[in-house]
Amino acid sequence: MTKQELRNECQRLLICENLNDCNELLDIYINFFFETIKNHQDENAESQKMHQAKIVNQMMMTKAMNLKKVITGVSYESASGWNLNKIIDPTIIASLVRNIFETVAMFNLVYSKPETDDEKNIMYWLWVSAGLKYRQRFEAVGQTAENKEKIENEKAEIEVLANNIRETELFKNLDLKNQNKIENQLKSKEYQIFFDGLKVKLISWQECVNLMGIKETLLPNIYTYFSLYSHPSNVSVFQFAGMFEKGNEAFPDMATFNLKTSFFMFSIFIADYIKLFPSTLATFENLKIVEQIVINFNNTMARSNEFSINQCADVLE
């Protein structure tokens, strides 16, 4: 492949003008996730925290695979012989992409943003505690002896996690106001914070865009946008009605737009994952050069060259 042919192929996969190109790019992401699992899953993780980080990589692969299924479209033929032509529902894609966004933001908050050991531990313990506390809501329906025992064990684990946080030097050095911010997160089953020295900053999902280093002009209000379609808002209903207007179908373009956002998020995750597990860089660099370039370009385009995985794009110069 000549340099110009390489440029053309990269450009096609980066622009993704149609769903066929999007489908091909999804295959590239899925292949990397799978090769990473195959090549590195058995490598020893020094803690449960790091083992669970590897599980997130598996989750990202299944999310990408489910996106592939959704964009194949659905059709229907009734018993009376009436047909629904094949359509793709962009609102279903939006729900999946919102979940992908939250997963990537979580990974960044828990595994990438923290700098010191105490920050890393507090963020991980907050995340674990939040998940266990949400599961405690099922206490009323956990009637079997086994479920009751599990609920009690998890209550004890939640208390251990809270005490672990309080025993860190970082927590002890915080003033009361900032300690209370963490205590409130523990009570409210949340973990969306980050540390700025000895200050605890609360953060919304939308604000995670900036925290991840994503350019403000690239994905403004993107979480709000996907939430709009993930919930049955009135706007989502009347916009749904206009997506499938015969002769003016908007659903292919909207589906493509939603997918392009997922590509940014997959690439950001891959860059953060390689930073956390440097041995996986070898698997990335074993991909075809086109695949390396499109994955990394979506990452650096969303953020900046500071987050570049490697210098694969140099071959285009």
C-alpha atoms as a PDB file:
ATOM      1  CA  MET A   1       0.000   0.000   0.000  1.00  0.00           C
ATOM      2  CA  THR A   2       1.416   3.374  -1.044  1.00  0.00           C
ATOM      3  CA  LYS A   3       1.484   6.304   1.356  1.00  0.00           C
ATOM      4  CA  GLN A   4      -1.416   7.942  -0.509  1.00  0.00           C
ATOM      5  CA  GLU A   5      -3.457   4.734  -0.450  1.00  0.00           C
ATOM      6  CA  LEU A   6      -2.800   4.491   3.284  1.00  0.00           C
ATOM      7  CA  ARG A   7      -3.983   8.077   3.751  1.00  0.00           C
ATOM      8  CA  ASN A   8      -7.133   7.387   1.728  1.00  0.00           C
ATOM      9  CA  GLU A   9      -7.953   4.257   3.709  1.00  0.00           C
ATOM     10  CA  CYS A  10      -7.422   5.987   7.051  1.00  0.00           C
ATOM     11  CA  GLN A  11      -9.531   8.934   5.908  1.00  0.00           C
ATOM     12  CA  ARG A  12     -12.383   6.641   4.863  1.00  0.00           C
ATOM     13  CA  LEU A  13     -12.467   4.930   8.257  1.00  0.00           C
ATOM     14  CA  LEU A  14     -12.115   8.190  10.165  1.00  0.00           C
ATOM     15  CA  ILE A  15     -14.864  10.026   8.276  1.00  0.00           C
ATOM     16  CA  CYS A  16     -17.234   7.007   8.279  1.00  0.00           C
ATOM     17  CA  GLU A  17     -19.703   8.470   5.835  1.00  0.00           C
ATOM     18  CA  ASN A  18     -21.964   5.414   5.920  1.00  0.00           C
ATOM     19  CA  LEU A  19     -22.940   2.534   8.158  1.00  0.00           C
ATOM     20  CA  ASN A  20     -20.797   0.046   6.242  1.00  0.00           C
ATOM     21  CA  ASP A  21     -17.673   2.040   7.123  1.00  0.00           C
ATOM     22  CA  CYS A  22     -18.886   2.301  10.738  1.00  0.00           C
ATOM     23  CA  ASN A  23     -19.372  -1.448  10.839  1.00  0.00           C
ATOM     24  CA  GLU A  24     -15.833  -1.996   9.560  1.00  0.00           C
ATOM     25  CA  LEU A  25     -14.396   0.347  12.167  1.00  0.00           C
ATOM     26  CA  LEU A  26     -16.303  -1.461  14.911  1.00  0.00           C
ATOM     27  CA  ASP A  27     -14.582  -4.655  13.775  1.00  0.00           C
ATOM     28  CA  ILE A  28     -11.217  -2.945  14.284  1.00  0.00           C
ATOM     29  CA  TYR A  29     -12.092  -2.031  17.883  1.00  0.00           C
ATOM     30  CA  ILE A  30     -13.511  -5.470  18.618  1.00  0.00           C
ATOM     31  CA  ASN A  31     -10.370  -7.102  17.250  1.00  0.00           C
ATOM     32  CA  PHE A  32      -8.136  -5.035  19.532  1.00  0.00           C
ATOM     33  CA  PHE A  33     -10.260  -5.779  22.608  1.00  0.00           C
ATOM     34  CA  PHE A  34     -10.215  -9.490  21.781  1.00  0.00           C
ATOM     35  CA  GLU A  35      -6.478  -9.635  21.082  1.00  0.00           C
ATOM     36  CA  THR A  36      -5.828  -7.821  24.363  1.00  0.00           C
ATOM     37  CA  ILE A  37      -7.927 -10.340  26.251  1.00  0.00           C
ATOM     38  CA  LYS A  38      -6.245 -13.267  24.488  1.00  0.00           C
ATOM     39  CA  ASN A  39      -2.718 -11.985  24.961  1.00  0.00           C
ATOM     40  CA  HIS A  40      -2.855 -10.366  28.388  1.00  0.00           C
ATOM     41  CA  GLN A  41      -5.783 -11.622  30.452  1.00  0.00           C
ATOM     42  CA  ASP A  42      -3.673 -14.298  32.121  1.00  0.00           C
ATOM     43  CA  GLU A  43      -0.962 -11.841  33.101  1.00  0.00           C
ATOM     44  CA  ASN A  44      -0.908 -11.493  36.851  1.00  0.00           C
ATOM     45  CA  ALA A  45      -2.785  -8.498  38.230  1.00  0.00           C
ATOM     46  CA  GLU A  46      -1.325  -7.435  41.546  1.00  0.00           C
ATOM     47  CA  SER A  47      -4.721  -6.683  43.088  1.00  0.00           C
ATOM     48  CA  GLN A  48      -8.459  -7.144  42.715  1.00  0.00           C
ATOM     49  CA  LYS A  49      -8.577  -3.527  41.603  1.00  0.00           C
ATOM     50  CA  MET A  50      -6.338  -4.230  38.606  1.00  0.00           C
ATOM     51  CA  HIS A  51      -8.096  -7.511  37.841  1.00  0.00           C
ATOM     52  CA  GLN A  52     -11.395  -5.657  37.615  1.00  0.00           C
ATOM     53  CA  ALA A  53      -9.819  -3.094  35.301  1.00  0.00           C
ATOM     54  CA  LYS A  54      -9.134  -5.971  32.910  1.00  0.00           C
ATOM     55  CA  ILE A  55     -12.773  -7.036  33.135  1.00  0.00           C
ATOM     56  CA  VAL A  56     -13.789  -3.563  31.939  1.00  0.00           C
ATOM     57  CA  ASN A  57     -11.851  -4.266  28.731  1.00  0.00           C
ATOM     58  CA  GLN A  58     -13.991  -7.380  28.235  1.00  0.00           C
ATOM     59  CA  MET A  59     -17.110  -5.302  28.804  1.00  0.00           C
ATOM     60  CA  MET A  60     -16.014  -2.799  26.169  1.00  0.00           C
ATOM     61  CA  MET A  61     -15.681  -5.609  23.642  1.00  0.00           C
ATOM     62  CA  THR A  62     -19.231  -6.851  24.253  1.00  0.00           C
ATOM     63  CA  LYS A  63     -20.575  -3.296  24.028  1.00  0.00           C
ATOM     64  CA  ALA A  64     -18.919  -2.881  20.626  1.00  0.00           C
ATOM     65  CA  MET A  65     -20.293  -6.246  19.517  1.00  0.00           C
ATOM     66  CA  ASN A  66     -23.797  -5.238  20.566  1.00  0.00           C
ATOM     67  CA  LEU A  67     -23.489  -2.027  18.557  1.00  0.00           C
ATOM     68  CA  LYS A  68     -22.703  -4.179  15.523  1.00  0.00           C
ATOM     69  CA  LYS A  69     -25.887  -6.166  16.107  1.00  0.00           C
ATOM     70  CA  VAL A  70     -28.031  -3.051  16.473  1.00  0.00           C
ATOM     71  CA  ILE A  71     -26.854  -1.477  13.219  1.00  0.00           C
ATOM     72  CA  THR A  72     -27.832  -4.555  11.230  1.00  0.00           C
ATOM     73  CA  GLY A  73     -31.361  -3.217  11.651  1.00  0.00           C
ATOM     74  CA  VAL A  74     -34.723  -4.866  12.295  1.00  0.00           C
ATOM     75  CA  SER A  75     -37.670  -5.697  10.069  1.00  0.00           C
ATOM     76  CA  TYR A  76     -41.030  -7.340  10.601  1.00  0.00           C
ATOM     77  CA  GLU A  77     -43.679  -9.250   8.686  1.00  0.00           C
ATOM     78  CA  SER A  78     -47.051  -9.705  10.373  1.00  0.00           C
ATOM     79  CA  ALA A  79     -49.204 -12.817  10.159  1.00  0.00           C
ATOM     80  CA  SER A  80     -51.552 -10.886   7.872  1.00  0.00           C
ATOM     81  CA  GLY A  81     -48.737 -10.186   5.404  1.00  0.00           C
ATOM     82  CA  TRP A  82     -47.972  -6.544   6.235  1.00  0.00           C
ATOM     83  CA  ASN A  83     -44.285  -5.616   6.292  1.00  0.00           C
ATOM     84  CA  LEU A  84     -42.071  -3.207   8.168  1.00  0.00           C
ATOM     85  CA  ASN A  85     -39.053  -2.349   6.071  1.00  0.00           C
ATOM     86  CA  LYS A  86     -35.665  -2.761   7.718  1.00  0.00           C
ATOM     87  CA  ILE A  87     -34.850   0.180   9.997  1.00  0.00           C
ATOM     88  CA  ILE A  88     -32.168   1.094  12.498  1.00  0.00           C
ATOM     89  CA  ASP A  89     -33.316   2.780  15.694  1.00  0.00           C
ATOM     90  CA  PRO A  90     -30.836   5.554  16.614  1.00  0.00           C
ATOM     91  CA  THR A  91     -32.378   5.869  20.090  1.00  0.00           C
ATOM     92  CA  ILE A  92     -31.234   2.331  20.914  1.00  0.00           C
ATOM     93  CA  ILE A  93     -27.752   3.221  19.690  1.00  0.00           C
ATOM     94  CA  ALA A  94     -27.892   6.391  21.830  1.00  0.00           C
ATOM     95  CA  SER A  95     -28.681   4.310  24.937  1.00  0.00           C
ATOM     96  CA  LEU A  96     -25.741   2.018  24.243  1.00  0.00           C
ATOM     97  CA  VAL A  97     -23.373   4.923  23.550  1.00  0.00           C
ATOM     98  CA  ARG A  98     -24.432   6.648  26.774  1.00  0.00           C
ATOM     99  CA  ASN A  99     -23.516   3.453  28.626  1.00  0.00           C
ATOM    100  CA  ILE A 100     -20.168   3.354  26.802  1.00  0.00           C
ATOM    101  CA  PHE A 101     -19.570   7.001  27.744  1.00  0.00           C
ATOM    102  CA  GLU A 102     -20.272   6.283  31.426  1.00  0.00           C
ATOM    103  CA  THR A 103     -17.985   3.237  31.376  1.00  0.00           C
ATOM    104  CA  VAL A 104     -15.106   5.184  29.836  1.00  0.00           C
ATOM    105  CA  ALA A 105     -15.677   8.091  32.241  1.00  0.00           C
ATOM    106  CA  MET A 106     -15.731   5.674  35.194  1.00  0.00           C
ATOM    107  CA  PHE A 107     -12.479   4.071  34.046  1.00  0.00           C
ATOM    108  CA  ASN A 108     -10.866   7.481  33.732  1.00  0.00           C
ATOM    109  CA  LEU A 109     -12.116   8.621  37.158  1.00  0.00           C
ATOM    110  CA  VAL A 110     -11.105   5.448  38.984  1.00  0.00           C
ATOM    111  CA  TYR A 111      -8.005   4.302  37.110  1.00  0.00           C
ATOM    112  CA  SER A 112      -6.537   7.186  35.084  1.00  0.00           C
ATOM    113  CA  LYS A 113      -7.138  10.504  36.836  1.00  0.00           C
ATOM    114  CA  PRO A 114      -5.874   9.624  40.369  1.00  0.00           C
ATOM    115  CA  GLU A 115      -2.168  10.317  40.821  1.00  0.00           C
ATOM    116  CA  THR A 116      -1.162   9.179  44.308  1.00  0.00           C
ATOM    117  CA  ASP A 117      -1.728   5.764  45.866  1.00  0.00           C
ATOM    118  CA  ASP A 118      -4.216   7.236  48.326  1.00  0.00           C
ATOM    119  CA  GLU A 119      -6.170   8.916  45.529  1.00  0.00           C
ATOM    120  CA  LYS A 120      -6.253   5.648  43.589  1.00  0.00           C
ATOM    121  CA  ASN A 121      -7.405   3.654  46.599  1.00  0.00           C
ATOM    122  CA  ILE A 122     -10.068   6.140  47.679  1.00  0.00           C
ATOM    123  CA  MET A 123     -11.524   6.349  44.169  1.00  0.00           C
ATOM    124  CA  TYR A 124     -11.601   2.558  43.829  1.00  0.00           C
ATOM    125  CA  TRP A 125     -13.161   2.034  47.255  1.00  0.00           C
ATOM    126  CA  LEU A 126     -15.792   4.711  46.575  1.00  0.00           C
ATOM    127  CA  TRP A 127     -16.656   3.021  43.282  1.00  0.00           C
ATOM    128  CA  VAL A 128     -16.946  -0.419  44.905  1.00  0.00           C
ATOM    129  CA  SER A 129     -19.005   0.974  47.778  1.00  0.00           C
ATOM    130  CA  ALA A 130     -21.402   2.745  45.408  1.00  0.00           C
ATOM    131  CA  GLY A 131     -22.085  -0.476  43.515  1.00  0.00           C
ATOM    132  CA  LEU A 132     -22.639  -2.518  46.655  1.00  0.00           C
ATOM    133  CA  LYS A 133     -24.933   0.132  48.151  1.00  0.00           C
ATOM    134  CA  TYR A 134     -27.098   0.165  45.056  1.00  0.00           C
ATOM    135  CA  ARG A 135     -27.408  -3.608  45.324  1.00  0.00           C
ATOM    136  CA  GLN A 136     -28.567  -3.233  48.936  1.00  0.00           C
ATOM    137  CA  ARG A 137     -31.812  -1.864  47.496  1.00  0.00           C
ATOM    138  CA  PHE A 138     -32.763  -5.474  46.761  1.00  0.00           C
ATOM    139  CA  GLU A 139     -32.721  -6.300  50.461  1.00  0.00           C
ATOM    140  CA  ALA A 140     -36.521  -6.420  50.583  1.00  0.00           C
ATOM    141  CA  VAL A 141     -36.697  -9.118  47.914  1.00  0.00           C
ATOM    142  CA  GLY A 142     -33.705 -11.174  49.098  1.00  0.00           C
ATOM    143  CA  GLN A 143     -35.719 -13.719  51.023  1.00  0.00           C
ATOM    144  CA  THR A 144     -33.596 -16.843  50.674  1.00  0.00           C
ATOM    145  CA  ALA A 145     -31.070 -17.639  53.381  1.00  0.00           C
ATOM    146  CA  GLU A 146     -28.274 -17.401  50.830  1.00  0.00           C
ATOM    147  CA  ASN A 147     -29.363 -13.939  49.667  1.00  0.00           C
ATOM    148  CA  LYS A 148     -29.806 -12.676  53.210  1.00  0.00           C
ATOM    149  CA  GLU A 149     -26.296 -13.834  54.087  1.00  0.00           C
ATOM    150  CA  LYS A 150     -24.909 -12.105  50.986  1.00  0.00           C
ATOM    151  CA  ILE A 151     -26.680  -8.875  51.916  1.00  0.00           C
ATOM    152  CA  GLU A 152     -25.238  -8.947  55.425  1.00  0.00           C
ATOM    153  CA  ASN A 153     -21.743  -9.736  54.125  1.00  0.00           C
ATOM    154  CA  GLU A 154     -21.947  -6.818  51.700  1.00  0.00           C
ATOM    155  CA  LYS A 155     -23.129  -4.479  54.474  1.00  0.00           C
ATOM    156  CA  ALA A 156     -20.018  -5.420  56.402  1.00  0.00           C
ATOM    157  CA  GLU A 157     -17.855  -4.915  53.301  1.00  0.00           C
ATOM    158  CA  ILE A 158     -19.347  -1.436  52.747  1.00  0.00           C
ATOM    159  CA  GLU A 159     -18.369  -0.477  56.284  1.00  0.00           C
ATOM    160  CA  VAL A 160     -14.847  -1.834  55.770  1.00  0.00           C
ATOM    161  CA  LEU A 161     -14.512   0.216  52.581  1.00  0.00           C
ATOM    162  CA  ALA A 162     -15.642   3.383  54.366  1.00  0.00           C
ATOM    163  CA  ASN A 163     -13.163   2.774  57.191  1.00  0.00           C
ATOM    164  CA  ASN A 164     -10.381   2.082  54.687  1.00  0.00           C
ATOM    165  CA  ILE A 165     -11.023   5.486  53.126  1.00  0.00           C
ATOM    166  CA  ARG A 166     -11.056   7.232  56.506  1.00  0.00           C
ATOM    167  CA  GLU A 167      -7.746   5.622  57.468  1.00  0.00           C
ATOM    168  CA  THR A 168      -5.818   6.953  54.481  1.00  0.00           C
ATOM    169  CA  GLU A 169      -3.389   9.778  55.111  1.00  0.00           C
ATOM    170  CA  LEU A 170      -5.031  11.776  52.344  1.00  0.00           C
ATOM    171  CA  PHE A 171      -8.451  11.646  54.005  1.00  0.00           C
ATOM    172  CA  LYS A 172      -6.958  12.537  57.395  1.00  0.00           C
ATOM    173  CA  ASN A 173      -5.224  15.571  55.871  1.00  0.00           C
ATOM    174  CA  LEU A 174      -8.421  16.940  54.340  1.00  0.00           C
ATOM    175  CA  ASP A 175     -10.281  19.656  56.204  1.00  0.00           C
ATOM    176  CA  LEU A 176     -13.755  18.845  57.537  1.00  0.00           C
ATOM    177  CA  LYS A 177     -15.520  20.379  54.540  1.00  0.00           C
ATOM    178  CA  ASN A 178     -13.692  18.147  52.084  1.00  0.00           C
ATOM    179  CA  GLN A 179     -13.961  15.065  54.304  1.00  0.00           C
ATOM    180  CA  ASN A 180     -17.721  15.616  54.367  1.00  0.00           C
ATOM    181  CA  LYS A 181     -17.821  15.655  50.578  1.00  0.00           C
ATOM    182  CA  ILE A 182     -16.454  12.107  50.599  1.00  0.00           C
ATOM    183  CA  GLU A 183     -18.774  11.083  53.443  1.00  0.00           C
ATOM    184  CA  ASN A 184     -21.725  12.408  51.441  1.00  0.00           C
ATOM    185  CA  GLN A 185     -20.627  10.391  48.419  1.00  0.00           C
ATOM    186  CA  LEU A 186     -20.548   7.284  50.596  1.00  0.00           C
ATOM    187  CA  LYS A 187     -24.058   7.999  51.854  1.00  0.00           C
ATOM    188  CA  SER A 188     -25.492   8.880  48.459  1.00  0.00           C
ATOM    189  CA  LYS A 189     -24.044   5.814  46.688  1.00  0.00           C
ATOM    190  CA  GLU A 190     -21.955   7.970  44.347  1.00  0.00           C
ATOM    191  CA  TYR A 191     -18.264   8.170  43.477  1.00  0.00           C
ATOM    192  CA  GLN A 192     -17.987  10.997  40.928  1.00  0.00           C
ATOM    193  CA  ILE A 193     -15.249  13.110  42.501  1.00  0.00           C
ATOM    194  CA  PHE A 194     -11.638  13.929  41.805  1.00  0.00           C
ATOM    195  CA  PHE A 195      -8.829  15.390  43.893  1.00  0.00           C
ATOM    196  CA  ASP A 196      -7.198  18.737  43.331  1.00  0.00           C
ATOM    197  CA  GLY A 197      -4.490  18.596  45.965  1.00  0.00           C
ATOM    198  CA  LEU A 198      -6.347  18.626  49.286  1.00  0.00           C
ATOM    199  CA  LYS A 199      -9.603  19.705  47.685  1.00  0.00           C
ATOM    200  CA  VAL A 200     -12.358  17.272  46.731  1.00  0.00           C
ATOM    201  CA  LYS A 201     -14.201  18.273  43.560  1.00  0.00           C
ATOM    202  CA  LEU A 202     -17.654  16.890  42.823  1.00  0.00           C
ATOM    203  CA  ILE A 203     -18.249  16.208  39.149  1.00  0.00           C
ATOM    204  CA  SER A 204     -21.220  15.388  36.928  1.00  0.00           C
ATOM    205  CA  TRP A 205     -21.155  12.903  34.070  1.00  0.00           C
ATOM    206  CA  GLN A 206     -21.157  15.748  31.528  1.00  0.00           C
ATOM    207  CA  GLU A 207     -18.240  17.423  33.321  1.00  0.00           C
ATOM    208  CA  CYS A 208     -16.274  14.191  32.925  1.00  0.00           C
ATOM    209  CA  VAL A 209     -15.825  15.254  29.292  1.00  0.00           C
ATOM    210  CA  ASN A 210     -13.392  17.963  30.401  1.00  0.00           C
ATOM    211  CA  LEU A 211     -11.790  15.748  33.038  1.00  0.00           C
ATOM    212  CA  MET A 212     -10.927  13.158  30.390  1.00  0.00           C
ATOM    213  CA  GLY A 213      -9.213  15.890  28.399  1.00  0.00           C
ATOM    214  CA  ILE A 214     -11.815  15.945  25.617  1.00  0.00           C
ATOM    215  CA  LYS A 215     -11.865  19.199  23.691  1.00  0.00           C
ATOM    216  CA  GLU A 216     -14.777  21.383  24.783  1.00  0.00           C
ATOM    217  CA  THR A 217     -15.804  22.130  21.200  1.00  0.00           C
ATOM    218  CA  LEU A 218     -15.895  18.478  20.152  1.00  0.00           C
ATOM    219  CA  LEU A 219     -18.608  16.997  22.370  1.00  0.00           C
ATOM    220  CA  PRO A 220     -20.506  19.883  24.002  1.00  0.00           C
ATOM    221  CA  ASN A 221     -23.443  18.653  26.107  1.00  0.00           C
ATOM    222  CA  ILE A 222     -22.932  15.161  24.689  1.00  0.00           C
ATOM    223  CA  TYR A 223     -24.081  13.353  27.841  1.00  0.00           C
ATOM    224  CA  THR A 224     -27.249  15.457  27.940  1.00  0.00           C
ATOM    225  CA  TYR A 225     -27.821  14.639  24.276  1.00  0.00           C
ATOM    226  CA  PHE A 226     -27.590  10.891  24.824  1.00  0.00           C
ATOM    227  CA  SER A 227     -29.657  11.085  28.012  1.00  0.00           C
ATOM    228  CA  LEU A 228     -32.381  12.815  26.029  1.00  0.00           C
ATOM    229  CA  TYR A 229     -32.721   9.739  23.844  1.00  0.00           C
ATOM    230  CA  SER A 230     -32.125   7.196  26.592  1.00  0.00           C
ATOM    231  CA  HIS A 231     -35.203   8.407  28.459  1.00  0.00           C
ATOM    232  CA  PRO A 232     -38.748   8.623  27.037  1.00  0.00           C
ATOM    233  CA  SER A 233     -38.780  12.419  27.008  1.00  0.00           C
ATOM    234  CA  ASN A 234     -41.331  14.229  24.890  1.00  0.00           C
ATOM    235  CA  VAL A 235     -38.490  15.451  22.673  1.00  0.00           C
ATOM    236  CA  SER A 236     -37.325  11.886  22.056  1.00  0.00           C
ATOM    237  CA  VAL A 237     -40.875  10.913  21.055  1.00  0.00           C
ATOM    238  CA  PHE A 238     -41.547  13.668  18.531  1.00  0.00           C
ATOM    239  CA  GLN A 239     -38.043  13.412  17.092  1.00  0.00           C
ATOM    240  CA  PHE A 240     -38.483   9.647  16.747  1.00  0.00           C
ATOM    241  CA  ALA A 241     -41.593  10.325  14.682  1.00  0.00           C
ATOM    242  CA  GLY A 242     -39.566  12.334  12.173  1.00  0.00           C
ATOM    243  CA  MET A 243     -36.696   9.857  11.778  1.00  0.00           C
ATOM    244  CA  PHE A 244     -38.537   7.495   9.459  1.00  0.00           C
ATOM    245  CA  GLU A 245     -40.424   9.873   7.185  1.00  0.00           C
ATOM    246  CA  LYS A 246     -40.656   8.163   3.810  1.00  0.00           C
ATOM    247  CA  GLY A 247     -38.331   9.730   1.285  1.00  0.00           C
ATOM    248  CA  ASN A 248     -36.660  11.826   3.972  1.00  0.00           C
ATOM    249  CA  GLU A 249     -35.356   9.177   6.350  1.00  0.00           C
ATOM    250  CA  ALA A 250     -33.063  10.694   8.961  1.00  0.00           C
ATOM    251  CA  PHE A 251     -32.240   7.562  10.918  1.00  0.00           C
ATOM    252  CA  PRO A 252     -29.112   6.478   8.938  1.00  0.00           C
ATOM    253  CA  ASP A 253     -27.344   9.824   9.460  1.00  0.00           C
ATOM    254  CA  MET A 254     -28.368  10.001  13.103  1.00  0.00           C
ATOM    255  CA  ALA A 255     -27.190   6.437  13.697  1.00  0.00           C
ATOM    256  CA  THR A 256     -23.849   7.284  12.080  1.00  0.00           C
ATOM    257  CA  PHE A 257     -23.439  10.377  14.272  1.00  0.00           C
ATOM    258  CA  ASN A 258     -24.100   8.351  17.423  1.00  0.00           C
ATOM    259  CA  LEU A 259     -21.611   5.709  16.334  1.00  0.00           C
ATOM    260  CA  LYS A 260     -18.900   8.298  15.701  1.00  0.00           C
ATOM    261  CA  THR A 261     -19.183   9.367  19.330  1.00  0.00           C
ATOM    262  CA  SER A 262     -18.730   5.744  20.399  1.00  0.00           C
ATOM    263  CA  PHE A 263     -15.526   5.600  18.334  1.00  0.00           C
ATOM    264  CA  PHE A 264     -14.102   8.560  20.244  1.00  0.00           C
ATOM    265  CA  MET A 265     -14.967   6.847  23.525  1.00  0.00           C
ATOM    266  CA  PHE A 266     -13.526   3.461  22.525  1.00  0.00           C
ATOM    267  CA  SER A 267     -10.277   5.151  21.487  1.00  0.00           C
ATOM    268  CA  ILE A 268     -10.044   7.154  24.719  1.00  0.00           C
ATOM    269  CA  PHE A 269     -10.570   3.972  26.704  1.00  0.00           C
ATOM    270  CA  ILE A 270      -7.894   2.115  24.720  1.00  0.00           C
ATOM    271  CA  ALA A 271      -5.363   4.895  25.328  1.00  0.00           C
ATOM    272  CA  ASP A 272      -6.151   4.941  29.062  1.00  0.00           C
ATOM    273  CA  TYR A 273      -6.084   1.148  29.235  1.00  0.00           C
ATOM    274  CA  ILE A 274      -2.670   0.926  27.570  1.00  0.00           C
ATOM    275  CA  LYS A 275      -1.378   3.574  29.973  1.00  0.00           C
ATOM    276  CA  LEU A 276      -2.595   1.453  32.907  1.00  0.00           C
ATOM    277  CA  PHE A 277      -1.288  -1.811  31.419  1.00  0.00           C
ATOM    278  CA  PRO A 278       1.837  -0.898  29.393  1.00  0.00           C
ATOM    279  CA  SER A 279       2.370  -4.495  28.248  1.00  0.00           C
ATOM    280  CA  THR A 280      -0.734  -4.179  26.044  1.00  0.00           C
ATOM    281  CA  LEU A 281       1.084  -1.633  23.872  1.00  0.00           C
ATOM    282  CA  ALA A 282       2.778  -4.580  22.159  1.00  0.00           C
ATOM    283  CA  THR A 283      -0.623  -5.929  21.117  1.00  0.00           C
ATOM    284  CA  PHE A 284      -1.673  -2.513  19.845  1.00  0.00           C
ATOM    285  CA  GLU A 285       1.495  -2.158  17.805  1.00  0.00           C
ATOM    286  CA  ASN A 286       0.933  -5.607  16.328  1.00  0.00           C
ATOM    287  CA  LEU A 287      -2.263  -4.352  14.676  1.00  0.00           C
ATOM    288  CA  LYS A 288      -2.196  -3.337  11.026  1.00  0.00           C
ATOM    289  CA  ILE A 289      -0.873   0.190  10.673  1.00  0.00           C
ATOM    290  CA  VAL A 290      -4.257   1.405   9.374  1.00  0.00           C
ATOM    291  CA  GLU A 291      -5.923   0.068  12.508  1.00  0.00           C
ATOM    292  CA  GLN A 292      -3.376   1.715  14.789  1.00  0.00           C
ATOM    293  CA  ILE A 293      -3.774   5.054  13.049  1.00  0.00           C
ATOM    294  CA  VAL A 294      -7.579   5.194  13.120  1.00  0.00           C
ATOM    295  CA  ILE A 295      -7.775   4.120  16.768  1.00  0.00           C
ATOM    296  CA  ASN A 296      -5.124   6.580  17.874  1.00  0.00           C
ATOM    297  CA  PHE A 297      -6.380   9.435  15.695  1.00  0.00           C
ATOM    298  CA  ASN A 298      -9.872   9.226  17.223  1.00  0.00           C
ATOM    299  CA  ASN A 299      -8.175   9.438  20.611  1.00  0.00           C
ATOM    300  CA  THR A 300      -5.933  12.409  19.806  1.00  0.00           C
ATOM    301  CA  MET A 301      -8.630  14.171  17.809  1.00  0.00           C
ATOM    302  CA  ALA A 302     -10.951  13.962  20.814  1.00  0.00           C
ATOM    303  CA  ARG A 303      -8.230  15.077  23.228  1.00  0.00           C
ATOM    304  CA  SER A 304      -4.766  16.107  21.996  1.00  0.00           C
ATOM    305  CA  ASN A 305      -1.432  14.629  20.960  1.00  0.00           C
ATOM    306  CA  GLU A 306      -0.480  14.617  24.639  1.00  0.00           C
ATOM    307  CA  PHE A 307      -2.634  11.472  24.958  1.00  0.00           C
ATOM    308  CA  SER A 308      -1.217   9.736  21.881  1.00  0.00           C
ATOM    309  CA  ILE A 309      -0.723   5.987  22.235  1.00  0.00           C
ATOM    310  CA  ASN A 310       2.305   5.888  19.942  1.00  0.00           C
ATOM    311  CA  GLN A 311       3.699   7.631  16.862  1.00  0.00           C
ATOM    312  CA  CYS A 312       1.974   5.417  14.282  1.00  0.00           C
ATOM    313  CA  ALA A 313       0.736   8.433  12.272  1.00  0.00           C
ATOM    314  CA  ASP A 314       4.323   9.381  11.443  1.00  0.00           C
ATOM    315  CA  VAL A 315       4.174   6.988   8.478  1.00  0.00           C
ATOM    316  CA  LEU A 316       1.665   9.347   6.814  1.00  0.00           C
ATOM    317  CA  GLU A 317       4.112  12.285   6.754  1.00  0.00           C
END
